[in-house]
Amino acid sequence: PRVLVARANVVRKVVKVAGKEARR
């Protein structure tokens, strides 16, 4: 989402997955 609205624990998981894909 361009604008993210989520619980902190969800953000942590999304950042982990999306960051990994960015590096790949």
PDBML (XML) file of the C-alpha atoms, coordinates in Angstrom:
<?xml version="1.0" encoding="UTF-8" ?>
<PDBx:datablock datablockName="MODEL"
   xmlns:PDBx="http://pdbml.pdb.org/schema/pdbx-v50.xsd"
   xmlns:xsi="http://www.w3.org/2001/XMLSchema-instance"
   xsi:schemaLocation="http://pdbml.pdb.org/schema/pdbx-v50.xsd pdbx-v50.xsd">
   <PDBx:atom_siteCategory>
      <PDBx:atom_site id="1">
         <PDBx:B_iso_or_equiv>0.00</PDBx:B_iso_or_equiv>
         <PDBx:Cartn_x>0.000</PDBx:Cartn_x>
         <PDBx:Cartn_y>0.000</PDBx:Cartn_y>
         <PDBx:Cartn_z>0.000</PDBx:Cartn_z>
         <PDBx:auth_asym_id>A</PDBx:auth_asym_id>
         <PDBx:auth_atom_id>CA</PDBx:auth_atom_id>
         <PDBx:auth_comp_id>PRO</PDBx:auth_comp_id>
         <PDBx:auth_seq_id>1</PDBx:auth_seq_id>
         <PDBx:group_PDB>ATOM</PDBx:group_PDB>
         <PDBx:label_alt_id xsi:nil="true" />
         <PDBx:label_asym_id>A</PDBx:label_asym_id>
         <PDBx:label_atom_id>CA</PDBx:label_atom_id>
         <PDBx:label_comp_id>PRO</PDBx:label_comp_id>
         <PDBx:label_entity_id>1</PDBx:label_entity_id>
         <PDBx:label_seq_id>1</PDBx:label_seq_id>
         <PDBx:occupancy>1.00</PDBx:occupancy>
         <PDBx:pdbx_PDB_model_num>1</PDBx:pdbx_PDB_model_num>
         <PDBx:type_symbol>C</PDBx:type_symbol>
      </PDBx:atom_site>
      <PDBx:atom_site id="2">
         <PDBx:B_iso_or_equiv>0.00</PDBx:B_iso_or_equiv>
         <PDBx:Cartn_x>1.178</PDBx:Cartn_x>
         <PDBx:Cartn_y>3.508</PDBx:Cartn_y>
         <PDBx:Cartn_z>-0.721</PDBx:Cartn_z>
         <PDBx:auth_asym_id>A</PDBx:auth_asym_id>
         <PDBx:auth_atom_id>CA</PDBx:auth_atom_id>
         <PDBx:auth_comp_id>ARG</PDBx:auth_comp_id>
         <PDBx:auth_seq_id>2</PDBx:auth_seq_id>
         <PDBx:group_PDB>ATOM</PDBx:group_PDB>
         <PDBx:label_alt_id xsi:nil="true" />
         <PDBx:label_asym_id>A</PDBx:label_asym_id>
         <PDBx:label_atom_id>CA</PDBx:label_atom_id>
         <PDBx:label_comp_id>ARG</PDBx:label_comp_id>
         <PDBx:label_entity_id>1</PDBx:label_entity_id>
         <PDBx:label_seq_id>2</PDBx:label_seq_id>
         <PDBx:occupancy>1.00</PDBx:occupancy>
         <PDBx:pdbx_PDB_model_num>1</PDBx:pdbx_PDB_model_num>
         <PDBx:type_symbol>C</PDBx:type_symbol>
      </PDBx:atom_site>
      <PDBx:atom_site id="3">
         <PDBx:B_iso_or_equiv>0.00</PDBx:B_iso_or_equiv>
         <PDBx:Cartn_x>-0.347</PDBx:Cartn_x>
         <PDBx:Cartn_y>4.489</PDBx:Cartn_y>
         <PDBx:Cartn_z>2.615</PDBx:Cartn_z>
         <PDBx:auth_asym_id>A</PDBx:auth_asym_id>
         <PDBx:auth_atom_id>CA</PDBx:auth_atom_id>
         <PDBx:auth_comp_id>VAL</PDBx:auth_comp_id>
         <PDBx:auth_seq_id>3</PDBx:auth_seq_id>
         <PDBx:group_PDB>ATOM</PDBx:group_PDB>
         <PDBx:label_alt_id xsi:nil="true" />
         <PDBx:label_asym_id>A</PDBx:label_asym_id>
         <PDBx:label_atom_id>CA</PDBx:label_atom_id>
         <PDBx:label_comp_id>VAL</PDBx:label_comp_id>
         <PDBx:label_entity_id>1</PDBx:label_entity_id>
         <PDBx:label_seq_id>3</PDBx:label_seq_id>
         <PDBx:occupancy>1.00</PDBx:occupancy>
         <PDBx:pdbx_PDB_model_num>1</PDBx:pdbx_PDB_model_num>
         <PDBx:type_symbol>C</PDBx:type_symbol>
      </PDBx:atom_site>
      <PDBx:atom_site id="4">
         <PDBx:B_iso_or_equiv>0.00</PDBx:B_iso_or_equiv>
         <PDBx:Cartn_x>0.127</PDBx:Cartn_x>
         <PDBx:Cartn_y>1.840</PDBx:Cartn_y>
         <PDBx:Cartn_z>5.269</PDBx:Cartn_z>
         <PDBx:auth_asym_id>A</PDBx:auth_asym_id>
         <PDBx:auth_atom_id>CA</PDBx:auth_atom_id>
         <PDBx:auth_comp_id>LEU</PDBx:auth_comp_id>
         <PDBx:auth_seq_id>4</PDBx:auth_seq_id>
         <PDBx:group_PDB>ATOM</PDBx:group_PDB>
         <PDBx:label_alt_id xsi:nil="true" />
         <PDBx:label_asym_id>A</PDBx:label_asym_id>
         <PDBx:label_atom_id>CA</PDBx:label_atom_id>
         <PDBx:label_comp_id>LEU</PDBx:label_comp_id>
         <PDBx:label_entity_id>1</PDBx:label_entity_id>
         <PDBx:label_seq_id>4</PDBx:label_seq_id>
         <PDBx:occupancy>1.00</PDBx:occupancy>
         <PDBx:pdbx_PDB_model_num>1</PDBx:pdbx_PDB_model_num>
         <PDBx:type_symbol>C</PDBx:type_symbol>
      </PDBx:atom_site>
      <PDBx:atom_site id="5">
         <PDBx:B_iso_or_equiv>0.00</PDBx:B_iso_or_equiv>
         <PDBx:Cartn_x>-2.201</PDBx:Cartn_x>
         <PDBx:Cartn_y>1.475</PDBx:Cartn_y>
         <PDBx:Cartn_z>8.260</PDBx:Cartn_z>
         <PDBx:auth_asym_id>A</PDBx:auth_asym_id>
         <PDBx:auth_atom_id>CA</PDBx:auth_atom_id>
         <PDBx:auth_comp_id>VAL</PDBx:auth_comp_id>
         <PDBx:auth_seq_id>5</PDBx:auth_seq_id>
         <PDBx:group_PDB>ATOM</PDBx:group_PDB>
         <PDBx:label_alt_id xsi:nil="true" />
         <PDBx:label_asym_id>A</PDBx:label_asym_id>
         <PDBx:label_atom_id>CA</PDBx:label_atom_id>
         <PDBx:label_comp_id>VAL</PDBx:label_comp_id>
         <PDBx:label_entity_id>1</PDBx:label_entity_id>
         <PDBx:label_seq_id>5</PDBx:label_seq_id>
         <PDBx:occupancy>1.00</PDBx:occupancy>
         <PDBx:pdbx_PDB_model_num>1</PDBx:pdbx_PDB_model_num>
         <PDBx:type_symbol>C</PDBx:type_symbol>
      </PDBx:atom_site>
      <PDBx:atom_site id="6">
         <PDBx:B_iso_or_equiv>0.00</PDBx:B_iso_or_equiv>
         <PDBx:Cartn_x>-1.458</PDBx:Cartn_x>
         <PDBx:Cartn_y>-1.597</PDBx:Cartn_y>
         <PDBx:Cartn_z>10.368</PDBx:Cartn_z>
         <PDBx:auth_asym_id>A</PDBx:auth_asym_id>
         <PDBx:auth_atom_id>CA</PDBx:auth_atom_id>
         <PDBx:auth_comp_id>ALA</PDBx:auth_comp_id>
         <PDBx:auth_seq_id>6</PDBx:auth_seq_id>
         <PDBx:group_PDB>ATOM</PDBx:group_PDB>
         <PDBx:label_alt_id xsi:nil="true" />
         <PDBx:label_asym_id>A</PDBx:label_asym_id>
         <PDBx:label_atom_id>CA</PDBx:label_atom_id>
         <PDBx:label_comp_id>ALA</PDBx:label_comp_id>
         <PDBx:label_entity_id>1</PDBx:label_entity_id>
         <PDBx:label_seq_id>6</PDBx:label_seq_id>
         <PDBx:occupancy>1.00</PDBx:occupancy>
         <PDBx:pdbx_PDB_model_num>1</PDBx:pdbx_PDB_model_num>
         <PDBx:type_symbol>C</PDBx:type_symbol>
      </PDBx:atom_site>
      <PDBx:atom_site id="7">
         <PDBx:B_iso_or_equiv>0.00</PDBx:B_iso_or_equiv>
         <PDBx:Cartn_x>-0.665</PDBx:Cartn_x>
         <PDBx:Cartn_y>-2.999</PDBx:Cartn_y>
         <PDBx:Cartn_z>13.780</PDBx:Cartn_z>
         <PDBx:auth_asym_id>A</PDBx:auth_asym_id>
         <PDBx:auth_atom_id>CA</PDBx:auth_atom_id>
         <PDBx:auth_comp_id>ARG</PDBx:auth_comp_id>
         <PDBx:auth_seq_id>7</PDBx:auth_seq_id>
         <PDBx:group_PDB>ATOM</PDBx:group_PDB>
         <PDBx:label_alt_id xsi:nil="true" />
         <PDBx:label_asym_id>A</PDBx:label_asym_id>
         <PDBx:label_atom_id>CA</PDBx:label_atom_id>
         <PDBx:label_comp_id>ARG</PDBx:label_comp_id>
         <PDBx:label_entity_id>1</PDBx:label_entity_id>
         <PDBx:label_seq_id>7</PDBx:label_seq_id>
         <PDBx:occupancy>1.00</PDBx:occupancy>
         <PDBx:pdbx_PDB_model_num>1</PDBx:pdbx_PDB_model_num>
         <PDBx:type_symbol>C</PDBx:type_symbol>
      </PDBx:atom_site>
      <PDBx:atom_site id="8">
         <PDBx:B_iso_or_equiv>0.00</PDBx:B_iso_or_equiv>
         <PDBx:Cartn_x>3.006</PDBx:Cartn_x>
         <PDBx:Cartn_y>-2.787</PDBx:Cartn_y>
         <PDBx:Cartn_z>14.701</PDBx:Cartn_z>
         <PDBx:auth_asym_id>A</PDBx:auth_asym_id>
         <PDBx:auth_atom_id>CA</PDBx:auth_atom_id>
         <PDBx:auth_comp_id>ALA</PDBx:auth_comp_id>
         <PDBx:auth_seq_id>8</PDBx:auth_seq_id>
         <PDBx:group_PDB>ATOM</PDBx:group_PDB>
         <PDBx:label_alt_id xsi:nil="true" />
         <PDBx:label_asym_id>A</PDBx:label_asym_id>
         <PDBx:label_atom_id>CA</PDBx:label_atom_id>
         <PDBx:label_comp_id>ALA</PDBx:label_comp_id>
         <PDBx:label_entity_id>1</PDBx:label_entity_id>
         <PDBx:label_seq_id>8</PDBx:label_seq_id>
         <PDBx:occupancy>1.00</PDBx:occupancy>
         <PDBx:pdbx_PDB_model_num>1</PDBx:pdbx_PDB_model_num>
         <PDBx:type_symbol>C</PDBx:type_symbol>
      </PDBx:atom_site>
      <PDBx:atom_site id="9">
         <PDBx:B_iso_or_equiv>0.00</PDBx:B_iso_or_equiv>
         <PDBx:Cartn_x>3.431</PDBx:Cartn_x>
         <PDBx:Cartn_y>-6.577</PDBx:Cartn_y>
         <PDBx:Cartn_z>14.627</PDBx:Cartn_z>
         <PDBx:auth_asym_id>A</PDBx:auth_asym_id>
         <PDBx:auth_atom_id>CA</PDBx:auth_atom_id>
         <PDBx:auth_comp_id>ASN</PDBx:auth_comp_id>
         <PDBx:auth_seq_id>9</PDBx:auth_seq_id>
         <PDBx:group_PDB>ATOM</PDBx:group_PDB>
         <PDBx:label_alt_id xsi:nil="true" />
         <PDBx:label_asym_id>A</PDBx:label_asym_id>
         <PDBx:label_atom_id>CA</PDBx:label_atom_id>
         <PDBx:label_comp_id>ASN</PDBx:label_comp_id>
         <PDBx:label_entity_id>1</PDBx:label_entity_id>
         <PDBx:label_seq_id>9</PDBx:label_seq_id>
         <PDBx:occupancy>1.00</PDBx:occupancy>
         <PDBx:pdbx_PDB_model_num>1</PDBx:pdbx_PDB_model_num>
         <PDBx:type_symbol>C</PDBx:type_symbol>
      </PDBx:atom_site>
      <PDBx:atom_site id="10">
         <PDBx:B_iso_or_equiv>0.00</PDBx:B_iso_or_equiv>
         <PDBx:Cartn_x>2.025</PDBx:Cartn_x>
         <PDBx:Cartn_y>-6.693</PDBx:Cartn_y>
         <PDBx:Cartn_z>11.073</PDBx:Cartn_z>
         <PDBx:auth_asym_id>A</PDBx:auth_asym_id>
         <PDBx:auth_atom_id>CA</PDBx:auth_atom_id>
         <PDBx:auth_comp_id>VAL</PDBx:auth_comp_id>
         <PDBx:auth_seq_id>10</PDBx:auth_seq_id>
         <PDBx:group_PDB>ATOM</PDBx:group_PDB>
         <PDBx:label_alt_id xsi:nil="true" />
         <PDBx:label_asym_id>A</PDBx:label_asym_id>
         <PDBx:label_atom_id>CA</PDBx:label_atom_id>
         <PDBx:label_comp_id>VAL</PDBx:label_comp_id>
         <PDBx:label_entity_id>1</PDBx:label_entity_id>
         <PDBx:label_seq_id>10</PDBx:label_seq_id>
         <PDBx:occupancy>1.00</PDBx:occupancy>
         <PDBx:pdbx_PDB_model_num>1</PDBx:pdbx_PDB_model_num>
         <PDBx:type_symbol>C</PDBx:type_symbol>
      </PDBx:atom_site>
      <PDBx:atom_site id="11">
         <PDBx:B_iso_or_equiv>0.00</PDBx:B_iso_or_equiv>
         <PDBx:Cartn_x>4.376</PDBx:Cartn_x>
         <PDBx:Cartn_y>-3.938</PDBx:Cartn_y>
         <PDBx:Cartn_z>9.922</PDBx:Cartn_z>
         <PDBx:auth_asym_id>A</PDBx:auth_asym_id>
         <PDBx:auth_atom_id>CA</PDBx:auth_atom_id>
         <PDBx:auth_comp_id>VAL</PDBx:auth_comp_id>
         <PDBx:auth_seq_id>11</PDBx:auth_seq_id>
         <PDBx:group_PDB>ATOM</PDBx:group_PDB>
         <PDBx:label_alt_id xsi:nil="true" />
         <PDBx:label_asym_id>A</PDBx:label_asym_id>
         <PDBx:label_atom_id>CA</PDBx:label_atom_id>
         <PDBx:label_comp_id>VAL</PDBx:label_comp_id>
         <PDBx:label_entity_id>1</PDBx:label_entity_id>
         <PDBx:label_seq_id>11</PDBx:label_seq_id>
         <PDBx:occupancy>1.00</PDBx:occupancy>
         <PDBx:pdbx_PDB_model_num>1</PDBx:pdbx_PDB_model_num>
         <PDBx:type_symbol>C</PDBx:type_symbol>
      </PDBx:atom_site>
      <PDBx:atom_site id="12">
         <PDBx:B_iso_or_equiv>0.00</PDBx:B_iso_or_equiv>
         <PDBx:Cartn_x>7.334</PDBx:Cartn_x>
         <PDBx:Cartn_y>-5.888</PDBx:Cartn_y>
         <PDBx:Cartn_z>11.281</PDBx:Cartn_z>
         <PDBx:auth_asym_id>A</PDBx:auth_asym_id>
         <PDBx:auth_atom_id>CA</PDBx:auth_atom_id>
         <PDBx:auth_comp_id>ARG</PDBx:auth_comp_id>
         <PDBx:auth_seq_id>12</PDBx:auth_seq_id>
         <PDBx:group_PDB>ATOM</PDBx:group_PDB>
         <PDBx:label_alt_id xsi:nil="true" />
         <PDBx:label_asym_id>A</PDBx:label_asym_id>
         <PDBx:label_atom_id>CA</PDBx:label_atom_id>
         <PDBx:label_comp_id>ARG</PDBx:label_comp_id>
         <PDBx:label_entity_id>1</PDBx:label_entity_id>
         <PDBx:label_seq_id>12</PDBx:label_seq_id>
         <PDBx:occupancy>1.00</PDBx:occupancy>
         <PDBx:pdbx_PDB_model_num>1</PDBx:pdbx_PDB_model_num>
         <PDBx:type_symbol>C</PDBx:type_symbol>
      </PDBx:atom_site>
      <PDBx:atom_site id="13">
         <PDBx:B_iso_or_equiv>0.00</PDBx:B_iso_or_equiv>
         <PDBx:Cartn_x>6.369</PDBx:Cartn_x>
         <PDBx:Cartn_y>-8.950</PDBx:Cartn_y>
         <PDBx:Cartn_z>9.216</PDBx:Cartn_z>
         <PDBx:auth_asym_id>A</PDBx:auth_asym_id>
         <PDBx:auth_atom_id>CA</PDBx:auth_atom_id>
         <PDBx:auth_comp_id>LYS</PDBx:auth_comp_id>
         <PDBx:auth_seq_id>13</PDBx:auth_seq_id>
         <PDBx:group_PDB>ATOM</PDBx:group_PDB>
         <PDBx:label_alt_id xsi:nil="true" />
         <PDBx:label_asym_id>A</PDBx:label_asym_id>
         <PDBx:label_atom_id>CA</PDBx:label_atom_id>
         <PDBx:label_comp_id>LYS</PDBx:label_comp_id>
         <PDBx:label_entity_id>1</PDBx:label_entity_id>
         <PDBx:label_seq_id>13</PDBx:label_seq_id>
         <PDBx:occupancy>1.00</PDBx:occupancy>
         <PDBx:pdbx_PDB_model_num>1</PDBx:pdbx_PDB_model_num>
         <PDBx:type_symbol>C</PDBx:type_symbol>
      </PDBx:atom_site>
      <PDBx:atom_site id="14">
         <PDBx:B_iso_or_equiv>0.00</PDBx:B_iso_or_equiv>
         <PDBx:Cartn_x>5.690</PDBx:Cartn_x>
         <PDBx:Cartn_y>-6.971</PDBx:Cartn_y>
         <PDBx:Cartn_z>6.034</PDBx:Cartn_z>
         <PDBx:auth_asym_id>A</PDBx:auth_asym_id>
         <PDBx:auth_atom_id>CA</PDBx:auth_atom_id>
         <PDBx:auth_comp_id>VAL</PDBx:auth_comp_id>
         <PDBx:auth_seq_id>14</PDBx:auth_seq_id>
         <PDBx:group_PDB>ATOM</PDBx:group_PDB>
         <PDBx:label_alt_id xsi:nil="true" />
         <PDBx:label_asym_id>A</PDBx:label_asym_id>
         <PDBx:label_atom_id>CA</PDBx:label_atom_id>
         <PDBx:label_comp_id>VAL</PDBx:label_comp_id>
         <PDBx:label_entity_id>1</PDBx:label_entity_id>
         <PDBx:label_seq_id>14</PDBx:label_seq_id>
         <PDBx:occupancy>1.00</PDBx:occupancy>
         <PDBx:pdbx_PDB_model_num>1</PDBx:pdbx_PDB_model_num>
         <PDBx:type_symbol>C</PDBx:type_symbol>
      </PDBx:atom_site>
      <PDBx:atom_site id="15">
         <PDBx:B_iso_or_equiv>0.00</PDBx:B_iso_or_equiv>
         <PDBx:Cartn_x>8.970</PDBx:Cartn_x>
         <PDBx:Cartn_y>-5.051</PDBx:Cartn_y>
         <PDBx:Cartn_z>6.309</PDBx:Cartn_z>
         <PDBx:auth_asym_id>A</PDBx:auth_asym_id>
         <PDBx:auth_atom_id>CA</PDBx:auth_atom_id>
         <PDBx:auth_comp_id>VAL</PDBx:auth_comp_id>
         <PDBx:auth_seq_id>15</PDBx:auth_seq_id>
         <PDBx:group_PDB>ATOM</PDBx:group_PDB>
         <PDBx:label_alt_id xsi:nil="true" />
         <PDBx:label_asym_id>A</PDBx:label_asym_id>
         <PDBx:label_atom_id>CA</PDBx:label_atom_id>
         <PDBx:label_comp_id>VAL</PDBx:label_comp_id>
         <PDBx:label_entity_id>1</PDBx:label_entity_id>
         <PDBx:label_seq_id>15</PDBx:label_seq_id>
         <PDBx:occupancy>1.00</PDBx:occupancy>
         <PDBx:pdbx_PDB_model_num>1</PDBx:pdbx_PDB_model_num>
         <PDBx:type_symbol>C</PDBx:type_symbol>
      </PDBx:atom_site>
      <PDBx:atom_site id="16">
         <PDBx:B_iso_or_equiv>0.00</PDBx:B_iso_or_equiv>
         <PDBx:Cartn_x>10.845</PDBx:Cartn_x>
         <PDBx:Cartn_y>-8.326</PDBx:Cartn_y>
         <PDBx:Cartn_z>6.751</PDBx:Cartn_z>
         <PDBx:auth_asym_id>A</PDBx:auth_asym_id>
         <PDBx:auth_atom_id>CA</PDBx:auth_atom_id>
         <PDBx:auth_comp_id>LYS</PDBx:auth_comp_id>
         <PDBx:auth_seq_id>16</PDBx:auth_seq_id>
         <PDBx:group_PDB>ATOM</PDBx:group_PDB>
         <PDBx:label_alt_id xsi:nil="true" />
         <PDBx:label_asym_id>A</PDBx:label_asym_id>
         <PDBx:label_atom_id>CA</PDBx:label_atom_id>
         <PDBx:label_comp_id>LYS</PDBx:label_comp_id>
         <PDBx:label_entity_id>1</PDBx:label_entity_id>
         <PDBx:label_seq_id>16</PDBx:label_seq_id>
         <PDBx:occupancy>1.00</PDBx:occupancy>
         <PDBx:pdbx_PDB_model_num>1</PDBx:pdbx_PDB_model_num>
         <PDBx:type_symbol>C</PDBx:type_symbol>
      </PDBx:atom_site>
      <PDBx:atom_site id="17">
         <PDBx:B_iso_or_equiv>0.00</PDBx:B_iso_or_equiv>
         <PDBx:Cartn_x>9.264</PDBx:Cartn_x>
         <PDBx:Cartn_y>-9.977</PDBx:Cartn_y>
         <PDBx:Cartn_z>3.705</PDBx:Cartn_z>
         <PDBx:auth_asym_id>A</PDBx:auth_asym_id>
         <PDBx:auth_atom_id>CA</PDBx:auth_atom_id>
         <PDBx:auth_comp_id>VAL</PDBx:auth_comp_id>
         <PDBx:auth_seq_id>17</PDBx:auth_seq_id>
         <PDBx:group_PDB>ATOM</PDBx:group_PDB>
         <PDBx:label_alt_id xsi:nil="true" />
         <PDBx:label_asym_id>A</PDBx:label_asym_id>
         <PDBx:label_atom_id>CA</PDBx:label_atom_id>
         <PDBx:label_comp_id>VAL</PDBx:label_comp_id>
         <PDBx:label_entity_id>1</PDBx:label_entity_id>
         <PDBx:label_seq_id>17</PDBx:label_seq_id>
         <PDBx:occupancy>1.00</PDBx:occupancy>
         <PDBx:pdbx_PDB_model_num>1</PDBx:pdbx_PDB_model_num>
         <PDBx:type_symbol>C</PDBx:type_symbol>
      </PDBx:atom_site>
      <PDBx:atom_site id="18">
         <PDBx:B_iso_or_equiv>0.00</PDBx:B_iso_or_equiv>
         <PDBx:Cartn_x>9.303</PDBx:Cartn_x>
         <PDBx:Cartn_y>-6.929</PDBx:Cartn_y>
         <PDBx:Cartn_z>1.395</PDBx:Cartn_z>
         <PDBx:auth_asym_id>A</PDBx:auth_asym_id>
         <PDBx:auth_atom_id>CA</PDBx:auth_atom_id>
         <PDBx:auth_comp_id>ALA</PDBx:auth_comp_id>
         <PDBx:auth_seq_id>18</PDBx:auth_seq_id>
         <PDBx:group_PDB>ATOM</PDBx:group_PDB>
         <PDBx:label_alt_id xsi:nil="true" />
         <PDBx:label_asym_id>A</PDBx:label_asym_id>
         <PDBx:label_atom_id>CA</PDBx:label_atom_id>
         <PDBx:label_comp_id>ALA</PDBx:label_comp_id>
         <PDBx:label_entity_id>1</PDBx:label_entity_id>
         <PDBx:label_seq_id>18</PDBx:label_seq_id>
         <PDBx:occupancy>1.00</PDBx:occupancy>
         <PDBx:pdbx_PDB_model_num>1</PDBx:pdbx_PDB_model_num>
         <PDBx:type_symbol>C</PDBx:type_symbol>
      </PDBx:atom_site>
      <PDBx:atom_site id="19">
         <PDBx:B_iso_or_equiv>0.00</PDBx:B_iso_or_equiv>
         <PDBx:Cartn_x>12.849</PDBx:Cartn_x>
         <PDBx:Cartn_y>-6.007</PDBx:Cartn_y>
         <PDBx:Cartn_z>2.400</PDBx:Cartn_z>
         <PDBx:auth_asym_id>A</PDBx:auth_asym_id>
         <PDBx:auth_atom_id>CA</PDBx:auth_atom_id>
         <PDBx:auth_comp_id>GLY</PDBx:auth_comp_id>
         <PDBx:auth_seq_id>19</PDBx:auth_seq_id>
         <PDBx:group_PDB>ATOM</PDBx:group_PDB>
         <PDBx:label_alt_id xsi:nil="true" />
         <PDBx:label_asym_id>A</PDBx:label_asym_id>
         <PDBx:label_atom_id>CA</PDBx:label_atom_id>
         <PDBx:label_comp_id>GLY</PDBx:label_comp_id>
         <PDBx:label_entity_id>1</PDBx:label_entity_id>
         <PDBx:label_seq_id>19</PDBx:label_seq_id>
         <PDBx:occupancy>1.00</PDBx:occupancy>
         <PDBx:pdbx_PDB_model_num>1</PDBx:pdbx_PDB_model_num>
         <PDBx:type_symbol>C</PDBx:type_symbol>
      </PDBx:atom_site>
      <PDBx:atom_site id="20">
         <PDBx:B_iso_or_equiv>0.00</PDBx:B_iso_or_equiv>
         <PDBx:Cartn_x>14.044</PDBx:Cartn_x>
         <PDBx:Cartn_y>-9.525</PDBx:Cartn_y>
         <PDBx:Cartn_z>1.617</PDBx:Cartn_z>
         <PDBx:auth_asym_id>A</PDBx:auth_asym_id>
         <PDBx:auth_atom_id>CA</PDBx:auth_atom_id>
         <PDBx:auth_comp_id>LYS</PDBx:auth_comp_id>
         <PDBx:auth_seq_id>20</PDBx:auth_seq_id>
         <PDBx:group_PDB>ATOM</PDBx:group_PDB>
         <PDBx:label_alt_id xsi:nil="true" />
         <PDBx:label_asym_id>A</PDBx:label_asym_id>
         <PDBx:label_atom_id>CA</PDBx:label_atom_id>
         <PDBx:label_comp_id>LYS</PDBx:label_comp_id>
         <PDBx:label_entity_id>1</PDBx:label_entity_id>
         <PDBx:label_seq_id>20</PDBx:label_seq_id>
         <PDBx:occupancy>1.00</PDBx:occupancy>
         <PDBx:pdbx_PDB_model_num>1</PDBx:pdbx_PDB_model_num>
         <PDBx:type_symbol>C</PDBx:type_symbol>
      </PDBx:atom_site>
      <PDBx:atom_site id="21">
         <PDBx:B_iso_or_equiv>0.00</PDBx:B_iso_or_equiv>
         <PDBx:Cartn_x>12.414</PDBx:Cartn_x>
         <PDBx:Cartn_y>-9.382</PDBx:Cartn_y>
         <PDBx:Cartn_z>-1.812</PDBx:Cartn_z>
         <PDBx:auth_asym_id>A</PDBx:auth_asym_id>
         <PDBx:auth_atom_id>CA</PDBx:auth_atom_id>
         <PDBx:auth_comp_id>GLU</PDBx:auth_comp_id>
         <PDBx:auth_seq_id>21</PDBx:auth_seq_id>
         <PDBx:group_PDB>ATOM</PDBx:group_PDB>
         <PDBx:label_alt_id xsi:nil="true" />
         <PDBx:label_asym_id>A</PDBx:label_asym_id>
         <PDBx:label_atom_id>CA</PDBx:label_atom_id>
         <PDBx:label_comp_id>GLU</PDBx:label_comp_id>
         <PDBx:label_entity_id>1</PDBx:label_entity_id>
         <PDBx:label_seq_id>21</PDBx:label_seq_id>
         <PDBx:occupancy>1.00</PDBx:occupancy>
         <PDBx:pdbx_PDB_model_num>1</PDBx:pdbx_PDB_model_num>
         <PDBx:type_symbol>C</PDBx:type_symbol>
      </PDBx:atom_site>
      <PDBx:atom_site id="22">
         <PDBx:B_iso_or_equiv>0.00</PDBx:B_iso_or_equiv>
         <PDBx:Cartn_x>13.978</PDBx:Cartn_x>
         <PDBx:Cartn_y>-5.967</PDBx:Cartn_y>
         <PDBx:Cartn_z>-2.486</PDBx:Cartn_z>
         <PDBx:auth_asym_id>A</PDBx:auth_asym_id>
         <PDBx:auth_atom_id>CA</PDBx:auth_atom_id>
         <PDBx:auth_comp_id>ALA</PDBx:auth_comp_id>
         <PDBx:auth_seq_id>22</PDBx:auth_seq_id>
         <PDBx:group_PDB>ATOM</PDBx:group_PDB>
         <PDBx:label_alt_id xsi:nil="true" />
         <PDBx:label_asym_id>A</PDBx:label_asym_id>
         <PDBx:label_atom_id>CA</PDBx:label_atom_id>
         <PDBx:label_comp_id>ALA</PDBx:label_comp_id>
         <PDBx:label_entity_id>1</PDBx:label_entity_id>
         <PDBx:label_seq_id>22</PDBx:label_seq_id>
         <PDBx:occupancy>1.00</PDBx:occupancy>
         <PDBx:pdbx_PDB_model_num>1</PDBx:pdbx_PDB_model_num>
         <PDBx:type_symbol>C</PDBx:type_symbol>
      </PDBx:atom_site>
      <PDBx:atom_site id="23">
         <PDBx:B_iso_or_equiv>0.00</PDBx:B_iso_or_equiv>
         <PDBx:Cartn_x>17.449</PDBx:Cartn_x>
         <PDBx:Cartn_y>-7.322</PDBx:Cartn_y>
         <PDBx:Cartn_z>-1.749</PDBx:Cartn_z>
         <PDBx:auth_asym_id>A</PDBx:auth_asym_id>
         <PDBx:auth_atom_id>CA</PDBx:auth_atom_id>
         <PDBx:auth_comp_id>ARG</PDBx:auth_comp_id>
         <PDBx:auth_seq_id>23</PDBx:auth_seq_id>
         <PDBx:group_PDB>ATOM</PDBx:group_PDB>
         <PDBx:label_alt_id xsi:nil="true" />
         <PDBx:label_asym_id>A</PDBx:label_asym_id>
         <PDBx:label_atom_id>CA</PDBx:label_atom_id>
         <PDBx:label_comp_id>ARG</PDBx:label_comp_id>
         <PDBx:label_entity_id>1</PDBx:label_entity_id>
         <PDBx:label_seq_id>23</PDBx:label_seq_id>
         <PDBx:occupancy>1.00</PDBx:occupancy>
         <PDBx:pdbx_PDB_model_num>1</PDBx:pdbx_PDB_model_num>
         <PDBx:type_symbol>C</PDBx:type_symbol>
      </PDBx:atom_site>
      <PDBx:atom_site id="24">
         <PDBx:B_iso_or_equiv>0.00</PDBx:B_iso_or_equiv>
         <PDBx:Cartn_x>16.778</PDBx:Cartn_x>
         <PDBx:Cartn_y>-10.389</PDBx:Cartn_y>
         <PDBx:Cartn_z>-3.910</PDBx:Cartn_z>
         <PDBx:auth_asym_id>A</PDBx:auth_asym_id>
         <PDBx:auth_atom_id>CA</PDBx:auth_atom_id>
         <PDBx:auth_comp_id>ARG</PDBx:auth_comp_id>
         <PDBx:auth_seq_id>24</PDBx:auth_seq_id>
         <PDBx:group_PDB>ATOM</PDBx:group_PDB>
         <PDBx:label_alt_id xsi:nil="true" />
         <PDBx:label_asym_id>A</PDBx:label_asym_id>
         <PDBx:label_atom_id>CA</PDBx:label_atom_id>
         <PDBx:label_comp_id>ARG</PDBx:label_comp_id>
         <PDBx:label_entity_id>1</PDBx:label_entity_id>
         <PDBx:label_seq_id>24</PDBx:label_seq_id>
         <PDBx:occupancy>1.00</PDBx:occupancy>
         <PDBx:pdbx_PDB_model_num>1</PDBx:pdbx_PDB_model_num>
         <PDBx:type_symbol>C</PDBx:type_symbol>
      </PDBx:atom_site>
   </PDBx:atom_siteCategory>
</PDBx:datablock>
